[in-house]
Amino acid sequence: MIGVRTLNAALSAAFLLLAPLAAQAQAPDYRLEVAPGAKEETVVSWARERCEEWDLPDAPLRAFRDDKGEVVAFASHYRSRPLIGADLSSIRKSCAVSFEAKNSADPSQFSDKSWIAATWTDDGRHVQALIHAEYHADKHPGACRFKEAMSCWYNVVTAARSSDGGRSFKTDEPRPLVAAPPYRQDVDQGRHRGFFNPSNIVQKDGAWYALIATTGGEGQKNGVCLFRSTDIKDPTTWRAFDGQDFTIPAVDPYRDDLSRARPCRPLKELPTTVGSVTRHEASGKWLAIVHLGPDPRQGIAGGRVAYSWSKDLVTWSPLQTLVTHPTMWSKDCGDRDRYGYGAVADPASSSRNFETTGDQPFLFMTKMHVAGCKIGPQRDLVRIKIRIVKDNP
């Protein structure tokens, strides 16, 4: 028989072990919702502010405060122009081009069409960027046997830098790779292949992180992989997560030994490109935003904006729905508008790079006008106020 003193000690020890679990179970969860009375606002109007016909928001919003105190932002097309304003609520289009690829027919140059996909700066003047680089083989004679653009699309992620607060970007040659597939562009490709659409860059515990999507193939599973850099100013330091640690460097399929290539491990719960990652200041959790297409299993016809939470950027919660609306993947010819490229940003963020958010940030999106069941160049950058609330306060 156990003595009373021994029993009490055992109970005390058990209580100490269970207390963290109980506290975790009682910790409030958070949900996102459109703020009461919030209405969609147009931030940049294609009809009023475009610099040419195909000058449009074709990527999620990225923003930082420069060394003069102005906000510089990108919602980039392949001819990247900055949005500049006193704050995130008053950014306006500049017609000066900050970055443009060379329309090169050589896929090894990674310079056919390029988008500024992510930015990060510590001083507002020297800015590092991740570049979403597309090669459209259907536009180059003899490079693809298919006529459909999607069957000829090859993609990598490269890097660029600015020393004038994002007004212009330069890159090294050959272009430094952050993420690339372990194979070259192929005339018989047949589907879009490679690594796509980096999230914004966030800093955590002295390192920098971004989420990058891949369509998989050649031993690589499709999904979203987490990348880390230990020196943001050196693009060769980016490494992909292998399931245990960040050990996988990019391998140049045109210049390196492809036997060195290893697959990254896609993260569970994040099925496709992540529009933004921000840290909610009240909870300390990371918030990921994802734009998804129709999902008949859930009765969602047009598509939705979904979100997920994480404590460490590796393990994510199941997706929850913030907004349902027609997205760029909708097939309904009755759509007047469709939406894409959702990203959360808080004008009041204390971060120079808008990495953090309070309880009432904005959801920024591209609103695409539909005519004849097709999406053309008429696209606006819009936003709507959302709020983050406790589920079980």
Protein backbone atom coordinates (compact mmCIF):
# COMPACT_ATOMS: atom_id res chain seq x y z
CA MET A 1 0.00 0.00 0.00
CA ILE A 2 1.25 3.48 -0.90
CA GLY A 3 1.77 5.83 2.02
CA VAL A 4 -0.11 9.14 2.22
CA ARG A 5 3.06 11.21 1.79
CA THR A 6 4.08 9.16 -1.25
CA LEU A 7 0.58 9.43 -2.73
CA ASN A 8 0.50 13.20 -2.26
CA ALA A 9 3.89 13.53 -3.89
CA ALA A 10 2.74 11.43 -6.82
CA LEU A 11 -0.43 13.50 -7.22
CA SER A 12 1.55 16.72 -7.07
CA ALA A 13 3.94 15.46 -9.74
CA ALA A 14 1.04 14.38 -11.91
CA PHE A 15 -0.59 17.77 -11.51
CA LEU A 16 2.61 19.50 -12.59
CA LEU A 17 2.75 17.29 -15.67
CA LEU A 18 -0.90 17.83 -16.55
CA ALA A 19 -1.00 21.58 -15.85
CA PRO A 20 0.65 22.61 -19.14
CA LEU A 21 -1.70 20.31 -21.04
CA ALA A 22 -4.71 21.77 -19.26
CA ALA A 23 -3.51 25.30 -19.93
CA GLN A 24 -2.98 24.41 -23.58
CA ALA A 25 -6.46 22.94 -23.82
CA GLN A 26 -7.98 26.08 -22.29
CA ALA A 27 -5.92 28.52 -24.34
CA PRO A 28 -8.17 30.57 -26.61
CA ASP A 29 -8.32 29.73 -30.29
CA TYR A 30 -8.71 32.53 -32.80
CA ARG A 31 -10.84 32.91 -35.88
CA LEU A 32 -10.98 35.41 -38.72
CA GLU A 33 -14.10 37.16 -39.93
CA VAL A 34 -15.01 40.18 -41.97
CA ALA A 35 -15.30 43.14 -39.62
CA PRO A 36 -18.92 44.20 -38.94
CA GLY A 37 -20.01 46.82 -41.46
CA ALA A 38 -16.80 46.49 -43.48
CA LYS A 39 -17.09 47.28 -47.18
CA GLU A 40 -14.72 46.53 -50.01
CA GLU A 41 -12.44 49.46 -50.85
CA THR A 42 -10.50 50.02 -54.06
CA VAL A 43 -6.83 50.69 -53.35
CA VAL A 44 -5.54 50.89 -56.94
CA SER A 45 -7.96 51.25 -59.86
CA TRP A 46 -6.95 49.78 -63.21
CA ALA A 47 -9.28 52.15 -65.07
CA ARG A 48 -7.78 55.27 -63.47
CA GLU A 49 -4.18 54.39 -62.66
CA ARG A 50 -2.83 51.87 -65.16
CA CYS A 51 0.37 52.78 -66.96
CA GLU A 52 -0.38 50.43 -69.90
CA GLU A 53 -3.09 47.90 -70.73
CA TRP A 54 -1.47 44.95 -68.93
CA ASP A 55 -0.37 46.93 -65.91
CA LEU A 56 -2.29 45.10 -63.20
CA PRO A 57 -2.01 43.44 -59.77
CA ASP A 58 -0.95 39.88 -60.55
CA ALA A 59 0.60 38.82 -57.24
CA PRO A 60 -0.20 39.25 -53.53
CA LEU A 61 0.58 42.59 -51.91
CA ARG A 62 4.09 43.00 -50.46
CA ALA A 63 5.06 46.16 -48.60
CA PHE A 64 7.75 47.79 -46.46
CA ARG A 65 8.58 51.20 -45.02
CA ASP A 66 11.56 52.82 -46.72
CA ASP A 67 14.28 54.96 -45.16
CA LYS A 68 12.28 58.12 -45.87
CA GLY A 69 9.24 56.88 -43.95
CA GLU A 70 7.18 56.15 -47.06
CA VAL A 71 5.49 52.83 -47.74
CA VAL A 72 6.69 51.03 -50.87
CA ALA A 73 4.54 48.12 -52.03
CA PHE A 74 4.26 45.69 -54.92
CA ALA A 75 1.31 43.76 -56.28
CA SER A 76 3.44 42.85 -59.20
CA HIS A 77 2.98 42.00 -62.85
CA TYR A 78 5.91 40.90 -65.03
CA ARG A 79 6.78 44.56 -65.54
CA SER A 80 7.04 45.45 -61.87
CA ARG A 81 6.08 48.94 -60.79
CA PRO A 82 6.00 50.11 -57.16
CA LEU A 83 3.07 51.52 -55.22
CA ILE A 84 4.22 54.39 -53.02
CA GLY A 85 2.44 56.40 -50.32
CA ALA A 86 2.63 57.95 -46.90
CA ASP A 87 1.12 54.78 -45.42
CA LEU A 88 -0.42 51.50 -46.51
CA SER A 89 -3.80 53.20 -46.89
CA SER A 90 -2.62 55.78 -49.43
CA ILE A 91 -0.29 53.91 -51.78
CA ARG A 92 -0.50 54.99 -55.43
CA LYS A 93 0.91 53.57 -58.65
CA SER A 94 4.24 54.79 -59.98
CA CYS A 95 4.79 54.21 -63.69
CA ALA A 96 8.54 53.80 -63.23
CA VAL A 97 9.55 50.15 -63.75
CA SER A 98 11.47 48.67 -60.82
CA PHE A 99 12.24 45.29 -62.34
CA GLU A 100 11.69 43.45 -65.61
CA ALA A 101 13.12 40.24 -67.06
CA LYS A 102 14.71 40.01 -70.49
CA ASN A 103 12.06 37.98 -72.34
CA SER A 104 14.88 35.49 -72.92
CA ALA A 105 14.19 32.42 -75.06
CA ASP A 106 16.98 30.59 -73.19
CA PRO A 107 15.41 28.81 -70.18
CA SER A 108 18.81 28.53 -68.46
CA GLN A 109 18.87 32.32 -68.00
CA PHE A 110 15.69 32.24 -65.85
CA SER A 111 14.77 35.58 -67.41
CA ASP A 112 11.70 35.23 -69.59
CA LYS A 113 9.01 36.82 -67.39
CA SER A 114 9.57 37.68 -63.71
CA TRP A 115 7.47 38.96 -60.81
CA ILE A 116 8.64 40.58 -57.56
CA ALA A 117 7.08 38.04 -55.21
CA ALA A 118 8.52 38.97 -51.80
CA THR A 119 10.59 41.76 -50.25
CA TRP A 120 12.43 42.29 -46.98
CA THR A 121 14.56 45.15 -45.65
CA ASP A 122 16.15 46.04 -42.35
CA ASP A 123 16.91 49.68 -43.14
CA GLY A 124 14.36 50.69 -45.78
CA ARG A 125 17.03 51.32 -48.39
CA HIS A 126 18.67 47.97 -49.04
CA VAL A 127 15.91 45.58 -50.05
CA GLN A 128 16.13 41.85 -50.77
CA ALA A 129 13.56 40.27 -53.09
CA LEU A 130 12.41 36.82 -54.11
CA ILE A 131 11.51 36.62 -57.80
CA HIS A 132 8.85 34.35 -59.28
CA ALA A 133 10.43 33.55 -62.69
CA GLU A 134 8.26 32.04 -65.42
CA TYR A 135 9.44 30.50 -68.68
CA HIS A 136 6.64 30.38 -71.27
CA ALA A 137 7.92 27.89 -73.79
CA ASP A 138 4.79 28.28 -75.93
CA LYS A 139 5.95 31.81 -76.76
CA HIS A 140 9.35 30.69 -78.03
CA PRO A 141 9.47 28.79 -81.34
CA GLY A 142 10.46 25.16 -81.00
CA ALA A 143 10.59 25.21 -77.19
CA CYS A 144 7.32 23.31 -76.57
CA ARG A 145 5.26 20.94 -78.70
CA PHE A 146 2.03 21.99 -76.98
CA LYS A 147 0.01 25.11 -77.77
CA GLU A 148 -1.57 25.54 -74.34
CA ALA A 149 0.41 27.87 -72.06
CA MET A 150 -0.09 25.74 -68.96
CA SER A 151 1.48 22.70 -70.66
CA CYS A 152 4.62 24.71 -71.46
CA TRP A 153 5.10 26.64 -68.20
CA TYR A 154 8.37 26.11 -66.32
CA ASN A 155 9.07 28.01 -63.09
CA VAL A 156 11.86 28.76 -60.61
CA VAL A 157 12.39 31.24 -57.77
CA THR A 158 15.39 33.53 -58.02
CA ALA A 159 16.62 36.55 -56.03
CA ALA A 160 17.24 40.26 -56.63
CA ARG A 161 18.26 43.28 -54.57
CA SER A 162 17.72 47.02 -54.41
CA SER A 163 19.90 49.76 -52.94
CA ASP A 164 17.45 52.61 -53.50
CA GLY A 165 14.45 51.63 -51.41
CA GLY A 166 12.83 49.39 -54.01
CA ARG A 167 12.77 51.90 -56.85
CA SER A 168 15.01 49.58 -58.87
CA PHE A 169 16.23 46.00 -58.48
CA LYS A 170 19.29 44.22 -59.83
CA THR A 171 20.30 40.57 -59.94
CA ASP A 172 23.49 38.61 -60.48
CA GLU A 173 24.20 36.56 -63.58
CA PRO A 174 23.62 33.69 -63.72
CA ARG A 175 20.59 34.46 -61.62
CA PRO A 176 20.91 32.97 -58.12
CA LEU A 177 18.37 30.22 -57.47
CA VAL A 178 16.38 29.93 -54.26
CA ALA A 179 14.11 27.10 -55.42
CA ALA A 180 14.22 25.06 -58.63
CA PRO A 181 13.09 21.64 -59.86
CA PRO A 182 15.71 18.93 -60.42
CA TYR A 183 15.14 18.94 -64.19
CA ARG A 184 15.35 21.31 -67.13
CA GLN A 185 12.58 22.80 -69.19
CA ASP A 186 11.40 20.17 -71.66
CA VAL A 187 9.74 20.45 -75.08
CA ASP A 188 7.54 17.50 -74.04
CA GLN A 189 6.74 18.94 -70.61
CA GLY A 190 2.95 18.68 -70.78
CA ARG A 191 2.09 20.52 -67.55
CA HIS A 192 3.24 23.47 -65.45
CA ARG A 193 6.31 22.44 -63.48
CA GLY A 194 8.69 23.88 -60.92
CA PHE A 195 8.53 26.13 -57.86
CA PHE A 196 6.07 29.01 -57.67
CA ASN A 197 4.74 32.03 -55.82
CA PRO A 198 6.81 32.64 -52.68
CA SER A 199 4.96 34.03 -49.70
CA ASN A 200 6.26 37.19 -48.10
CA ILE A 201 9.46 36.85 -46.08
CA VAL A 202 9.24 36.83 -42.28
CA GLN A 203 11.95 36.92 -39.65
CA LYS A 204 11.96 34.53 -36.70
CA ASP A 205 14.70 33.82 -34.15
CA GLY A 206 17.45 35.41 -36.23
CA ALA A 207 16.57 33.69 -39.52
CA TRP A 208 14.27 34.44 -42.45
CA TYR A 209 11.50 32.23 -43.80
CA ALA A 210 9.27 31.93 -46.87
CA LEU A 211 6.73 29.39 -48.09
CA ILE A 212 7.11 28.31 -51.73
CA ALA A 213 4.75 26.08 -53.71
CA THR A 214 5.74 23.30 -56.10
CA THR A 215 3.78 21.21 -58.58
CA GLY A 216 6.12 18.29 -57.90
CA GLY A 217 7.45 15.58 -60.19
CA GLU A 218 10.70 13.58 -60.48
CA GLY A 219 10.50 12.41 -56.85
CA GLN A 220 9.23 15.72 -55.47
CA LYS A 221 5.72 15.73 -53.98
CA ASN A 222 3.50 18.67 -54.82
CA GLY A 223 2.50 21.15 -52.14
CA VAL A 224 4.07 23.99 -50.16
CA CYS A 225 7.60 23.80 -48.75
CA LEU A 226 9.19 25.95 -46.06
CA PHE A 227 12.49 27.69 -46.84
CA ARG A 228 14.93 29.37 -44.45
CA SER A 229 17.85 31.74 -44.92
CA THR A 230 20.49 32.43 -42.29
CA ASP A 231 21.71 35.54 -44.18
CA ILE A 232 18.99 37.38 -46.04
CA LYS A 233 21.55 39.34 -48.09
CA ASP A 234 23.06 36.13 -49.48
CA PRO A 235 20.54 34.20 -51.63
CA THR A 236 22.76 31.12 -51.63
CA THR A 237 21.93 30.56 -47.93
CA TRP A 238 18.31 29.61 -48.58
CA ARG A 239 17.59 26.00 -47.62
CA ALA A 240 14.40 23.95 -47.87
CA PHE A 241 12.96 21.92 -44.99
CA ASP A 242 13.56 18.18 -45.34
CA GLY A 243 11.13 17.12 -42.61
CA GLN A 244 13.69 17.46 -39.83
CA ASP A 245 15.88 20.46 -40.63
CA PHE A 246 16.73 23.03 -43.29
CA THR A 247 19.34 21.15 -45.30
CA ILE A 248 18.32 21.33 -48.96
CA PRO A 249 20.00 23.95 -51.19
CA ALA A 250 18.72 24.84 -54.63
CA VAL A 251 20.40 22.92 -57.44
CA ASP A 252 20.74 24.69 -60.78
CA PRO A 253 19.45 22.18 -63.36
CA TYR A 254 21.60 23.77 -66.07
CA ARG A 255 24.88 24.18 -64.19
CA ASP A 256 24.99 21.82 -61.21
CA ASP A 257 25.18 18.09 -60.66
CA LEU A 258 21.54 16.98 -60.49
CA SER A 259 22.45 13.95 -58.42
CA ARG A 260 22.79 16.41 -55.52
CA ALA A 261 19.12 17.39 -55.74
CA ARG A 262 16.81 16.26 -52.93
CA PRO A 263 13.06 16.82 -52.49
CA CYS A 264 11.69 19.17 -49.86
CA ARG A 265 8.87 17.97 -47.62
CA PRO A 266 5.55 19.70 -48.29
CA LEU A 267 3.75 20.98 -45.21
CA LYS A 268 0.46 19.40 -44.21
CA GLU A 269 -2.71 21.51 -44.32
CA LEU A 270 -1.32 24.02 -46.87
CA PRO A 271 -2.40 22.66 -50.26
CA THR A 272 -1.37 25.50 -52.55
CA THR A 273 0.37 28.86 -52.78
CA VAL A 274 0.29 30.96 -49.61
CA GLY A 275 -0.69 34.58 -50.14
CA SER A 276 0.76 35.89 -46.89
CA VAL A 277 2.23 34.90 -43.54
CA THR A 278 1.94 37.29 -40.60
CA ARG A 279 2.40 36.99 -36.85
CA HIS A 280 -0.66 37.86 -34.80
CA GLU A 281 0.72 39.98 -31.95
CA ALA A 282 -1.89 39.04 -29.33
CA SER A 283 -1.48 35.27 -29.73
CA GLY A 284 2.06 35.03 -31.08
CA LYS A 285 0.77 32.64 -33.75
CA TRP A 286 1.56 32.75 -37.44
CA LEU A 287 -1.37 33.25 -39.80
CA ALA A 288 -1.31 31.93 -43.38
CA ILE A 289 -3.79 33.03 -46.04
CA VAL A 290 -4.68 30.79 -48.99
CA HIS A 291 -6.96 31.45 -51.98
CA LEU A 292 -8.71 28.28 -53.15
CA GLY A 293 -10.94 27.29 -56.05
CA PRO A 294 -14.34 25.55 -56.06
CA ASP A 295 -14.78 22.67 -53.61
CA PRO A 296 -17.95 20.64 -54.30
CA ARG A 297 -17.25 18.44 -51.25
CA GLN A 298 -17.83 21.45 -49.02
CA GLY A 299 -20.56 22.94 -51.18
CA ILE A 300 -18.32 25.85 -52.24
CA ALA A 301 -19.08 26.61 -55.86
CA GLY A 302 -16.90 29.60 -56.73
CA GLY A 303 -14.03 29.39 -54.28
CA ARG A 304 -12.91 30.84 -50.97
CA VAL A 305 -10.24 32.55 -48.90
CA ALA A 306 -9.03 30.18 -46.18
CA TYR A 307 -6.60 30.51 -43.30
CA SER A 308 -4.42 28.39 -41.05
CA TRP A 309 -2.52 28.95 -37.78
CA SER A 310 0.94 27.82 -36.69
CA LYS A 311 3.21 28.28 -33.70
CA ASP A 312 6.44 27.39 -35.51
CA LEU A 313 5.82 27.77 -39.29
CA VAL A 314 6.15 23.98 -39.68
CA THR A 315 2.94 22.54 -38.20
CA TRP A 316 -0.29 24.18 -39.40
CA SER A 317 -3.92 23.87 -38.33
CA PRO A 318 -6.65 22.61 -40.68
CA LEU A 319 -7.89 25.28 -43.07
CA GLN A 320 -10.88 27.40 -42.05
CA THR A 321 -12.94 29.61 -44.33
CA LEU A 322 -12.80 33.39 -44.07
CA VAL A 323 -14.71 34.42 -47.22
CA THR A 324 -16.50 32.55 -50.01
CA HIS A 325 -16.58 34.22 -53.40
CA PRO A 326 -15.75 33.47 -57.07
CA THR A 327 -12.01 33.01 -57.45
CA MET A 328 -9.83 32.95 -60.56
CA TRP A 329 -10.50 29.19 -60.83
CA SER A 330 -14.29 29.57 -61.01
CA LYS A 331 -15.93 28.18 -64.16
CA ASP A 332 -19.22 30.04 -63.73
CA CYS A 333 -19.71 32.29 -66.75
CA GLY A 334 -22.26 34.24 -64.73
CA ASP A 335 -19.49 35.71 -62.55
CA ARG A 336 -19.15 39.47 -62.81
CA ASP A 337 -15.91 39.48 -60.85
CA ARG A 338 -13.45 36.95 -59.50
CA TYR A 339 -10.82 37.30 -56.80
CA GLY A 340 -7.30 36.06 -56.17
CA TYR A 341 -3.96 36.73 -54.46
CA GLY A 342 -5.33 37.28 -50.97
CA ALA A 343 -2.86 38.69 -48.43
CA VAL A 344 -3.31 40.07 -44.92
CA ALA A 345 -1.54 43.30 -43.94
CA ASP A 346 -2.05 45.71 -41.07
CA PRO A 347 -1.33 49.41 -41.73
CA ALA A 348 -0.60 49.79 -38.00
CA SER A 349 2.00 47.01 -37.93
CA SER A 350 5.09 47.80 -35.89
CA SER A 351 7.22 45.83 -38.37
CA ARG A 352 9.02 47.69 -41.16
CA ASN A 353 8.02 44.79 -43.41
CA PHE A 354 4.43 44.45 -42.14
CA GLU A 355 5.24 41.02 -40.71
CA THR A 356 2.94 41.51 -37.71
CA THR A 357 -0.74 42.23 -37.34
CA GLY A 358 -3.09 43.42 -34.66
CA ASP A 359 -6.72 42.36 -34.30
CA GLN A 360 -8.08 44.44 -37.21
CA PRO A 361 -5.91 44.12 -40.32
CA PHE A 362 -7.02 44.22 -43.94
CA LEU A 363 -7.40 41.45 -46.47
CA PHE A 364 -5.92 42.73 -49.75
CA MET A 365 -6.95 40.99 -52.99
CA THR A 366 -6.94 41.33 -56.75
CA LYS A 367 -10.46 41.85 -58.11
CA MET A 368 -10.74 40.60 -61.69
CA HIS A 369 -13.47 41.74 -64.07
CA VAL A 370 -15.06 38.90 -66.04
CA ALA A 371 -16.25 39.50 -69.62
CA GLY A 372 -17.38 36.74 -71.96
CA CYS A 373 -16.49 34.19 -69.28
CA LYS A 374 -12.84 35.32 -69.46
CA ILE A 375 -10.56 37.37 -67.24
CA GLY A 376 -8.81 40.21 -69.03
CA PRO A 377 -6.49 42.99 -67.90
CA GLN A 378 -9.16 44.93 -65.96
CA ARG A 379 -8.12 44.12 -62.40
CA ASP A 380 -8.11 46.29 -59.29
CA LEU A 381 -6.26 46.00 -56.01
CA VAL A 382 -8.94 46.01 -53.31
CA ARG A 383 -9.10 45.50 -49.57
CA ILE A 384 -11.64 44.78 -46.85
CA LYS A 385 -11.22 45.08 -43.09
CA ILE A 386 -11.23 41.82 -41.18
CA ARG A 387 -10.86 41.06 -37.49
CA ILE A 388 -9.23 38.35 -35.42
CA VAL A 389 -11.33 37.27 -32.48
CA LYS A 390 -11.06 34.67 -29.73
CA ASP A 391 -13.17 31.58 -30.18
CA ASN A 392 -13.29 30.71 -26.48
CA PRO A 393 -12.24 33.81 -24.49
